[in-house]
C-alpha atoms as a PDB file:
ATOM      1  CA  MET A   1       0.000   0.000   0.000  1.00  0.00           C
ATOM      2  CA  LYS A   2       2.845   2.373   0.865  1.00  0.00           C
ATOM      3  CA  GLN A   3       4.520   1.699  -2.498  1.00  0.00           C
ATOM      4  CA  ILE A   4       1.343   2.500  -4.418  1.00  0.00           C
ATOM      5  CA  LEU A   5       0.888   5.731  -2.453  1.00  0.00           C
ATOM      6  CA  LYS A   6       4.493   6.771  -3.251  1.00  0.00           C
ATOM      7  CA  LYS A   7       3.901   6.102  -6.957  1.00  0.00           C
ATOM      8  CA  TYR A   8       0.740   8.233  -6.964  1.00  0.00           C
ATOM      9  CA  VAL A   9       2.479  11.093  -5.147  1.00  0.00           C
ATOM     10  CA  PHE A  10       5.345  10.891  -7.634  1.00  0.00           C
ATOM     11  CA  LEU A  11       2.955  10.951 -10.613  1.00  0.00           C
ATOM     12  CA  ILE A  12       1.011  13.879  -9.176  1.00  0.00           C
ATOM     13  CA  CYS A  13       4.262  15.832  -8.708  1.00  0.00           C
ATOM     14  CA  ILE A  14       5.253  15.118 -12.321  1.00  0.00           C
ATOM     15  CA  LEU A  15       1.852  16.278 -13.601  1.00  0.00           C
ATOM     16  CA  ILE A  16       1.927  19.460 -11.522  1.00  0.00           C
ATOM     17  CA  GLY A  17       5.448  20.251 -12.739  1.00  0.00           C
ATOM     18  CA  ALA A  18       4.507  19.662 -16.376  1.00  0.00           C
ATOM     19  CA  THR A  19       1.385  21.829 -16.271  1.00  0.00           C
ATOM     20  CA  ALA A  20       2.964  24.646 -14.221  1.00  0.00           C
ATOM     21  CA  CYS A  21       5.260  25.637 -17.105  1.00  0.00           C
ATOM     22  CA  GLU A  22       3.064  27.633 -19.437  1.00  0.00           C
ATOM     23  CA  LYS A  23       4.092  29.091 -22.750  1.00  0.00           C
ATOM     24  CA  PRO A  24       3.520  32.826 -23.165  1.00  0.00           C
ATOM     25  CA  GLU A  25       0.482  33.707 -25.220  1.00  0.00           C
ATOM     26  CA  GLU A  26       1.125  34.210 -28.900  1.00  0.00           C
ATOM     27  CA  GLY A  27       1.464  37.831 -29.931  1.00  0.00           C
ATOM     28  CA  ILE A  28       2.637  38.919 -26.478  1.00  0.00           C
ATOM     29  CA  SER A  29       6.278  39.864 -26.197  1.00  0.00           C
ATOM     30  CA  THR A  30       8.317  40.968 -23.255  1.00  0.00           C
ATOM     31  CA  GLN A  31       9.406  44.582 -23.109  1.00  0.00           C
ATOM     32  CA  LEU A  32      12.996  45.205 -24.075  1.00  0.00           C
ATOM     33  CA  SER A  33      15.259  47.131 -21.719  1.00  0.00           C
ATOM     34  CA  VAL A  34      15.744  50.883 -22.191  1.00  0.00           C
ATOM     35  CA  ASN A  35      18.951  50.963 -20.110  1.00  0.00           C
ATOM     36  CA  ALA A  36      22.170  51.944 -21.881  1.00  0.00           C
ATOM     37  CA  ASP A  37      24.707  51.983 -19.082  1.00  0.00           C
ATOM     38  CA  ILE A  38      28.279  50.921 -18.522  1.00  0.00           C
ATOM     39  CA  VAL A  39      28.130  49.199 -15.158  1.00  0.00           C
ATOM     40  CA  ARG A  40      31.852  48.389 -14.902  1.00  0.00           C
ATOM     41  CA  PHE A  41      34.917  49.345 -16.924  1.00  0.00           C
ATOM     42  CA  ARG A  42      37.984  47.260 -16.103  1.00  0.00           C
ATOM     43  CA  ILE A  43      41.547  47.136 -17.417  1.00  0.00           C
ATOM     44  CA  TYR A  44      43.604  44.047 -16.668  1.00  0.00           C
ATOM     45  CA  GLN A  45      47.362  44.148 -16.160  1.00  0.00           C
ATOM     46  CA  ASN A  46      47.302  40.352 -15.867  1.00  0.00           C
ATOM     47  CA  GLN A  47      44.711  37.812 -14.736  1.00  0.00           C
ATOM     48  CA  ASN A  48      45.195  38.757 -11.055  1.00  0.00           C
ATOM     49  CA  ILE A  49      45.751  42.505 -11.259  1.00  0.00           C
ATOM     50  CA  TYR A  50      43.151  44.859 -12.688  1.00  0.00           C
ATOM     51  CA  PHE A  51      42.070  48.487 -12.472  1.00  0.00           C
ATOM     52  CA  ASP A  52      38.401  49.499 -12.296  1.00  0.00           C
ATOM     53  CA  GLY A  53      37.223  52.796 -13.651  1.00  0.00           C
ATOM     54  CA  THR A  54      35.319  55.343 -11.599  1.00  0.00           C
ATOM     55  CA  ILE A  55      32.016  56.044 -13.347  1.00  0.00           C
ATOM     56  CA  ASP A  56      30.624  59.581 -13.032  1.00  0.00           C
ATOM     57  CA  GLU A  57      27.567  60.106 -15.252  1.00  0.00           C
ATOM     58  CA  THR A  58      29.115  59.659 -18.718  1.00  0.00           C
ATOM     59  CA  THR A  59      32.797  60.008 -17.814  1.00  0.00           C
ATOM     60  CA  ILE A  60      34.889  57.059 -16.694  1.00  0.00           C
ATOM     61  CA  ARG A  61      38.362  57.559 -15.234  1.00  0.00           C
ATOM     62  CA  VAL A  62      40.852  54.726 -14.815  1.00  0.00           C
ATOM     63  CA  LYS A  63      44.147  55.078 -12.951  1.00  0.00           C
ATOM     64  CA  ILE A  64      46.900  52.701 -14.130  1.00  0.00           C
ATOM     65  CA  PRO A  65      50.606  52.358 -13.189  1.00  0.00           C
ATOM     66  CA  ALA A  66      53.126  54.663 -14.910  1.00  0.00           C
ATOM     67  CA  ASP A  67      54.831  51.777 -16.728  1.00  0.00           C
ATOM     68  CA  PHE A  68      51.565  50.495 -18.225  1.00  0.00           C
ATOM     69  CA  ASP A  69      51.372  50.765 -22.042  1.00  0.00           C
ATOM     70  CA  LYS A  70      48.285  52.843 -22.878  1.00  0.00           C
ATOM     71  CA  THR A  71      48.500  52.235 -26.618  1.00  0.00           C
ATOM     72  CA  ARG A  72      47.061  48.704 -26.719  1.00  0.00           C
ATOM     73  CA  ILE A  73      44.579  48.138 -23.888  1.00  0.00           C
ATOM     74  CA  HIS A  74      41.795  45.533 -24.081  1.00  0.00           C
ATOM     75  CA  PRO A  75      39.186  46.788 -21.572  1.00  0.00           C
ATOM     76  CA  GLU A  76      36.491  44.555 -20.137  1.00  0.00           C
ATOM     77  CA  ILE A  77      33.135  46.345 -20.148  1.00  0.00           C
ATOM     78  CA  LEU A  78      30.066  45.225 -18.220  1.00  0.00           C
ATOM     79  CA  LEU A  79      26.788  46.695 -19.495  1.00  0.00           C
ATOM     80  CA  SER A  80      23.184  46.946 -18.407  1.00  0.00           C
ATOM     81  CA  PHE A  81      21.076  43.951 -19.509  1.00  0.00           C
ATOM     82  CA  GLY A  82      20.712  43.597 -23.265  1.00  0.00           C
ATOM     83  CA  ALA A  83      22.781  46.672 -24.125  1.00  0.00           C
ATOM     84  CA  VAL A  84      25.600  46.682 -26.685  1.00  0.00           C
ATOM     85  CA  VAL A  85      28.727  48.847 -26.783  1.00  0.00           C
ATOM     86  CA  SER A  86      30.905  50.185 -29.569  1.00  0.00           C
ATOM     87  CA  PRO A  87      33.853  49.705 -29.643  1.00  0.00           C
ATOM     88  CA  ALA A  88      33.235  46.235 -28.249  1.00  0.00           C
ATOM     89  CA  SER A  89      34.390  44.960 -24.885  1.00  0.00           C
ATOM     90  CA  GLY A  90      37.834  43.380 -25.224  1.00  0.00           C
ATOM     91  CA  GLU A  91      38.666  45.251 -28.429  1.00  0.00           C
ATOM     92  CA  ALA A  92      42.132  46.842 -28.315  1.00  0.00           C
ATOM     93  CA  GLN A  93      42.206  50.634 -27.975  1.00  0.00           C
ATOM     94  CA  ASP A  94      44.823  53.356 -27.703  1.00  0.00           C
ATOM     95  CA  PHE A  95      44.057  55.317 -24.528  1.00  0.00           C
ATOM     96  CA  SER A  96      46.840  57.886 -24.976  1.00  0.00           C
ATOM     97  CA  ASN A  97      43.915  60.290 -25.416  1.00  0.00           C
ATOM     98  CA  PRO A  98      40.309  59.970 -24.188  1.00  0.00           C
ATOM     99  CA  VAL A  99      38.231  57.387 -26.084  1.00  0.00           C
ATOM    100  CA  ASN A 100      34.448  57.530 -26.572  1.00  0.00           C
ATOM    101  CA  TYR A 101      32.287  54.440 -26.154  1.00  0.00           C
ATOM    102  CA  THR A 102      28.648  54.405 -27.281  1.00  0.00           C
ATOM    103  CA  VAL A 103      26.168  52.159 -25.480  1.00  0.00           C
ATOM    104  CA  THR A 104      22.847  51.278 -27.124  1.00  0.00           C
ATOM    105  CA  SER A 105      19.927  49.886 -25.135  1.00  0.00           C
ATOM    106  CA  GLU A 106      18.365  46.503 -25.846  1.00  0.00           C
ATOM    107  CA  ASN A 107      15.335  48.180 -27.460  1.00  0.00           C
ATOM    108  CA  ARG A 108      17.720  50.282 -29.645  1.00  0.00           C
ATOM    109  CA  GLU A 109      15.909  53.508 -28.673  1.00  0.00           C
ATOM    110  CA  VAL A 110      18.388  54.852 -26.103  1.00  0.00           C
ATOM    111  CA  THR A 111      22.066  55.608 -26.662  1.00  0.00           C
ATOM    112  CA  LYS A 112      24.612  57.002 -24.245  1.00  0.00           C
ATOM    113  CA  THR A 113      28.180  58.060 -25.009  1.00  0.00           C
ATOM    114  CA  TYR A 114      30.862  57.630 -22.356  1.00  0.00           C
ATOM    115  CA  GLN A 115      34.255  59.306 -22.436  1.00  0.00           C
ATOM    116  CA  ILE A 116      36.987  57.053 -21.044  1.00  0.00           C
ATOM    117  CA  ILE A 117      40.060  58.757 -19.594  1.00  0.00           C
ATOM    118  CA  VAL A 118      43.038  56.587 -18.643  1.00  0.00           C
ATOM    119  CA  ASN A 119      45.741  58.236 -16.517  1.00  0.00           C
ATOM    120  CA  ASN A 120      49.050  57.028 -15.123  1.00  0.00           C
END
């Protein structure tokens, strides 16, 4: 009797799990994000040493050591959900002078330009 009861409980759990996952109704889509933000801007010296930028509105400042070569930096950029950035995260840049990065929201309606300043 106990075995039969366990089987029924198991089957009921399976049925509840299968019916609880509903597909969204056709024609209804989720809203795309309007956020176009750089959440983190990081420059790696090596895998253990990195320098995070200080984000102030649309200006990001990064302090790096004096002996760091600014002409070929591959920054890691973390963005708000669904956003894209140009130039891309990881793409080599020359930061001898300020560099502009443009972030576009997931819904493609909002853009924000950040100026990145790297100082020794």
